[in-house]
Amino acid sequence: MADRVVSEGQRKRRRPTKQGAVLSDRLIVDTALRLVVQHGAEALSVRRLGAALGADPSALYRYFRNTDALLLALADELIGRAQEGWQPTGEWRADLRAMGLRIHASYSANPQATLLAAHRTTGRPHETRAVETILGILRGAGFPSPVAVRIYHAFVDQALAFAAQDAAVLARPANAQEADDEVWHEVYGKLSPDTHPNITAVFPLLAADMCDSGYPFALELMLEAVAARLPATGDGGAGPAGGSDHVDA
């Protein structure tokens, strides 16, 4: 899409496409996400998207200014899907764990889109709601604001970094994934205990573990580290409106 500004009042129209659908932001985003999942980054073009929607490509400018605006909407959609159905328990560790696993799962389910969007800051409603929710969990638990912000930063970066890493694995052709998995058996499984005693001692465990994502365990390690930062008194910073934000050096 070329950068082209269309006034807000001209963006929406109710005339059905050739396929009988009425264009909307949601329909365009869902279709774009489906195309990216099926065909990769090259599918994110106004021509292919218009063809898939049965609409004149120029009609898409009524909804998204350019391809980058659409990409940000895709990124925000993945964040929104991570939050669907989530309900807080009131226990900060359980809530952070659930949020992290949901973010990772949402991105892992859409690896091609993740490779395009995991590093973007959207500023859109789903993202701002996620930021507000995670900060609320931390501040509600009693973490002073400066600590809550740093934990938020590390928590989100960890989730997105693992999501991007795992998406890169999942986006490969099946035969490439199988070839990489086979390396553990064909190379590491045949190493001598004389030269590689530690690998051979744990090889069955190592080969099995390396076939899965390391994120769930990394998340548990982070949560343990985060718990160590919680003030000893449970009444300081009990919520967004209270508590001291002083942090000892």
Protein backbone atom coordinates (compact mmCIF):
# COMPACT_ATOMS: atom_id res chain seq x y z
CA MET A 1 0.00 0.00 0.00
CA ALA A 2 1.24 3.46 -0.74
CA ASP A 3 1.05 6.13 1.94
CA ARG A 4 -2.22 7.81 1.13
CA VAL A 5 -4.45 9.79 3.46
CA VAL A 6 -8.21 9.33 3.29
CA SER A 7 -10.39 11.49 5.49
CA GLU A 8 -12.13 9.80 8.40
CA GLY A 9 -15.56 10.51 6.99
CA GLN A 10 -14.75 8.70 3.75
CA ARG A 11 -13.27 5.56 5.26
CA LYS A 12 -16.38 3.50 5.92
CA ARG A 13 -18.83 2.30 3.32
CA ARG A 14 -21.59 -0.30 3.42
CA ARG A 15 -21.63 -1.53 -0.18
CA PRO A 16 -20.95 -5.31 -0.20
CA THR A 17 -17.90 -6.72 -1.93
CA LYS A 18 -18.15 -9.17 -4.84
CA GLN A 19 -18.30 -11.94 -2.26
CA GLY A 20 -21.28 -10.33 -0.56
CA ALA A 21 -19.38 -9.20 2.55
CA VAL A 22 -19.40 -5.68 3.95
CA LEU A 23 -15.89 -4.37 4.49
CA SER A 24 -14.85 -3.55 8.03
CA ASP A 25 -11.62 -3.17 9.96
CA ARG A 26 -12.17 -6.58 11.54
CA LEU A 27 -12.88 -8.36 8.26
CA ILE A 28 -9.78 -6.87 6.66
CA VAL A 29 -7.55 -7.76 9.62
CA ASP A 30 -8.90 -11.32 9.85
CA THR A 31 -8.42 -11.83 6.11
CA ALA A 32 -4.91 -10.35 6.18
CA LEU A 33 -3.96 -12.57 9.10
CA ARG A 34 -5.26 -15.63 7.26
CA LEU A 35 -3.29 -14.74 4.14
CA VAL A 36 -0.07 -14.14 6.10
CA VAL A 37 -0.47 -17.48 7.89
CA GLN A 38 -0.98 -19.25 4.55
CA HIS A 39 1.49 -17.39 2.35
CA GLY A 40 3.89 -15.44 4.55
CA ALA A 41 4.87 -11.79 4.50
CA GLU A 42 4.44 -11.41 0.73
CA ALA A 43 0.69 -11.85 1.18
CA LEU A 44 0.44 -8.51 2.94
CA SER A 45 -0.18 -6.48 -0.20
CA VAL A 46 -3.15 -4.41 -1.25
CA ARG A 47 -3.54 -6.44 -4.44
CA ARG A 48 -3.69 -9.85 -2.76
CA LEU A 49 -5.81 -8.61 0.09
CA GLY A 50 -8.27 -6.95 -2.27
CA ALA A 51 -8.54 -10.13 -4.32
CA ALA A 52 -9.16 -12.23 -1.21
CA LEU A 53 -11.88 -9.84 -0.06
CA GLY A 54 -13.46 -9.49 -3.50
CA ALA A 55 -13.01 -5.72 -3.27
CA ASP A 56 -11.27 -3.06 -5.28
CA PRO A 57 -7.82 -2.65 -3.67
CA SER A 58 -8.31 1.10 -3.40
CA ALA A 59 -11.24 0.52 -1.03
CA LEU A 60 -8.81 -0.68 1.63
CA TYR A 61 -7.45 2.84 1.99
CA ARG A 62 -10.74 3.77 3.58
CA TYR A 63 -9.73 1.64 6.54
CA PHE A 64 -5.93 1.58 6.66
CA ARG A 65 -3.64 4.37 5.58
CA ASN A 66 -0.88 2.04 4.35
CA THR A 67 0.56 -1.43 4.80
CA ASP A 68 2.30 -0.49 8.01
CA ALA A 69 -0.99 0.61 9.58
CA LEU A 70 -2.45 -2.76 8.64
CA LEU A 71 0.58 -4.54 10.11
CA LEU A 72 0.08 -2.70 13.40
CA ALA A 73 -3.55 -3.80 13.39
CA LEU A 74 -2.41 -7.42 12.89
CA ALA A 75 0.00 -7.09 15.79
CA ASP A 76 -2.75 -5.66 17.97
CA GLU A 77 -5.08 -8.48 16.97
CA LEU A 78 -2.59 -11.05 18.26
CA ILE A 79 -2.40 -9.19 21.56
CA GLY A 80 -6.19 -9.05 21.71
CA ARG A 81 -6.51 -12.79 21.13
CA ALA A 82 -4.14 -13.41 24.03
CA GLN A 83 -6.54 -11.58 26.33
CA GLU A 84 -9.79 -13.18 25.18
CA GLY A 85 -11.51 -14.90 28.08
CA TRP A 86 -8.80 -14.01 30.61
CA GLN A 87 -10.08 -13.33 34.10
CA PRO A 88 -7.91 -12.17 37.01
CA THR A 89 -7.66 -14.42 40.04
CA GLY A 90 -6.29 -11.75 42.35
CA GLU A 91 -3.07 -13.73 42.88
CA TRP A 92 -0.35 -11.83 41.07
CA ARG A 93 1.88 -14.78 40.21
CA ALA A 94 -0.97 -16.86 38.76
CA ASP A 95 -2.23 -13.86 36.82
CA LEU A 96 1.17 -13.02 35.35
CA ARG A 97 1.77 -16.67 34.48
CA ALA A 98 -1.55 -16.90 32.69
CA MET A 99 -0.96 -13.65 30.82
CA GLY A 100 2.53 -14.69 29.71
CA LEU A 101 1.42 -18.12 28.52
CA ARG A 102 -1.52 -16.58 26.68
CA ILE A 103 0.70 -14.08 24.88
CA HIS A 104 3.13 -16.82 23.89
CA ALA A 105 0.32 -19.12 22.73
CA SER A 106 -1.36 -16.42 20.65
CA TYR A 107 1.85 -15.62 18.80
CA SER A 108 2.85 -19.28 18.44
CA ALA A 109 -0.51 -20.01 16.82
CA ASN A 110 0.29 -17.45 14.11
CA PRO A 111 4.04 -17.83 13.47
CA GLN A 112 4.18 -16.08 10.11
CA ALA A 113 2.41 -13.02 11.50
CA THR A 114 4.58 -13.13 14.62
CA LEU A 115 7.74 -12.80 12.54
CA LEU A 116 6.30 -9.60 11.10
CA ALA A 117 4.70 -8.13 14.20
CA ALA A 118 6.21 -9.33 17.50
CA HIS A 119 8.66 -6.42 17.67
CA ARG A 120 6.13 -3.67 16.96
CA THR A 121 4.56 -1.24 19.42
CA THR A 122 1.02 -0.66 18.17
CA GLY A 123 -0.46 1.95 20.51
CA ARG A 124 -3.81 0.39 19.66
CA PRO A 125 -6.61 -0.64 22.07
CA HIS A 126 -5.63 -4.28 22.68
CA GLU A 127 -2.04 -3.35 23.43
CA THR A 128 -2.89 -0.48 25.75
CA ARG A 129 -5.32 -2.74 27.61
CA ALA A 130 -2.60 -5.38 28.04
CA VAL A 131 -0.11 -2.82 29.34
CA GLU A 132 -2.69 -1.48 31.79
CA THR A 133 -3.59 -5.00 32.93
CA ILE A 134 -0.03 -6.17 33.55
CA LEU A 135 0.95 -2.99 35.36
CA GLY A 136 -2.23 -3.29 37.41
CA ILE A 137 -1.30 -6.84 38.44
CA LEU A 138 2.13 -5.70 39.57
CA ARG A 139 1.10 -2.53 41.36
CA GLY A 140 -1.86 -4.27 42.93
CA ALA A 141 0.53 -6.87 44.34
CA GLY A 142 2.50 -4.15 46.12
CA PHE A 143 5.43 -3.56 43.78
CA PRO A 144 6.50 0.11 43.84
CA SER A 145 5.92 1.82 40.50
CA PRO A 146 9.60 1.98 39.40
CA VAL A 147 9.99 -1.74 40.11
CA ALA A 148 6.65 -2.56 38.48
CA VAL A 149 7.74 -0.78 35.29
CA ARG A 150 11.04 -2.64 35.12
CA ILE A 151 9.35 -5.98 35.78
CA TYR A 152 6.73 -5.19 33.13
CA HIS A 153 9.48 -4.43 30.62
CA ALA A 154 11.37 -7.66 31.33
CA PHE A 155 8.17 -9.73 31.44
CA VAL A 156 6.89 -8.54 28.07
CA ASP A 157 10.28 -8.68 26.37
CA GLN A 158 10.77 -12.25 27.58
CA ALA A 159 7.35 -13.35 26.30
CA LEU A 160 7.82 -11.68 22.92
CA ALA A 161 11.42 -12.84 22.49
CA PHE A 162 10.44 -16.46 23.07
CA ALA A 163 7.41 -15.98 20.84
CA ALA A 164 9.61 -14.71 18.02
CA GLN A 165 12.14 -17.51 18.52
CA ASP A 166 9.48 -20.20 18.59
CA ALA A 167 7.63 -18.61 15.67
CA ALA A 168 10.81 -18.80 13.59
CA VAL A 169 10.94 -22.52 14.34
CA LEU A 170 7.27 -23.12 13.62
CA ALA A 171 7.36 -21.12 10.38
CA ARG A 172 9.94 -23.40 8.81
CA PRO A 173 8.89 -26.17 6.43
CA ALA A 174 8.13 -29.45 8.20
CA ASN A 175 11.14 -31.18 6.67
CA ALA A 176 13.46 -28.45 7.99
CA GLN A 177 12.04 -28.84 11.49
CA GLU A 178 12.50 -32.60 11.33
CA ALA A 179 16.08 -32.19 10.12
CA ASP A 180 16.94 -29.90 13.04
CA ASP A 181 15.35 -32.30 15.52
CA GLU A 182 17.29 -35.17 14.02
CA VAL A 183 20.58 -33.38 14.75
CA TRP A 184 20.10 -34.11 18.44
CA HIS A 185 20.08 -37.83 17.75
CA GLU A 186 22.51 -38.00 14.85
CA VAL A 187 25.14 -35.73 16.43
CA TYR A 188 24.57 -35.27 20.15
CA GLY A 189 23.30 -38.81 20.66
CA LYS A 190 26.52 -40.25 19.24
CA LEU A 191 29.02 -38.17 21.21
CA SER A 192 31.49 -40.05 23.35
CA PRO A 193 31.34 -39.82 27.14
CA ASP A 194 35.11 -39.50 27.05
CA THR A 195 34.93 -36.15 25.26
CA HIS A 196 31.45 -34.93 26.24
CA PRO A 197 30.60 -36.54 29.59
CA ASN A 198 27.94 -34.00 30.55
CA ILE A 199 26.00 -34.24 27.30
CA THR A 200 26.03 -38.04 27.29
CA ALA A 201 24.96 -38.16 30.94
CA VAL A 202 21.78 -36.22 30.27
CA PHE A 203 21.21 -36.89 26.58
CA PRO A 204 17.72 -38.46 26.69
CA LEU A 205 16.47 -35.59 28.85
CA LEU A 206 18.24 -33.01 26.71
CA ALA A 207 16.92 -34.32 23.39
CA ALA A 208 13.35 -34.48 24.71
CA ASP A 209 13.45 -31.03 26.29
CA MET A 210 14.97 -29.27 23.27
CA CYS A 211 12.03 -30.31 21.11
CA ASP A 212 9.72 -28.06 23.16
CA SER A 213 9.67 -24.35 23.88
CA GLY A 214 11.80 -23.19 26.78
CA TYR A 215 9.36 -20.41 27.58
CA PRO A 216 7.20 -22.02 30.30
CA PHE A 217 10.24 -22.82 32.45
CA ALA A 218 11.88 -19.47 31.71
CA LEU A 219 8.65 -17.81 32.80
CA GLU A 220 8.72 -19.72 36.11
CA LEU A 221 12.31 -18.61 36.67
CA MET A 222 11.28 -15.01 36.05
CA LEU A 223 8.32 -15.25 38.42
CA GLU A 224 10.61 -16.55 41.16
CA ALA A 225 12.99 -13.66 40.57
CA VAL A 226 10.09 -11.20 40.54
CA ALA A 227 8.79 -12.56 43.85
CA ALA A 228 12.15 -11.74 45.43
CA ARG A 229 11.57 -8.08 44.56
CA LEU A 230 8.24 -7.90 46.37
CA PRO A 231 8.46 -5.64 49.43
CA ALA A 232 8.40 -7.58 52.68
CA THR A 233 5.46 -5.56 54.00
CA GLY A 234 2.27 -6.35 52.20
CA ASP A 235 0.73 -2.95 52.78
CA GLY A 236 3.06 -0.73 50.77
CA GLY A 237 1.75 0.02 47.29
CA ALA A 238 -1.33 -2.12 47.72
CA GLY A 239 -2.86 -0.73 44.58
CA PRO A 240 -2.64 1.94 41.89
CA ALA A 241 -3.63 4.66 44.33
CA GLY A 242 -1.40 3.77 47.25
CA GLY A 243 2.04 2.82 48.46
CA SER A 244 5.48 4.28 48.26
CA ASP A 245 7.37 4.36 44.99
CA HIS A 246 10.76 4.62 46.71
CA VAL A 247 13.29 2.05 45.59
CA ASP A 248 16.46 1.35 47.54
CA ALA A 249 19.65 1.49 45.54
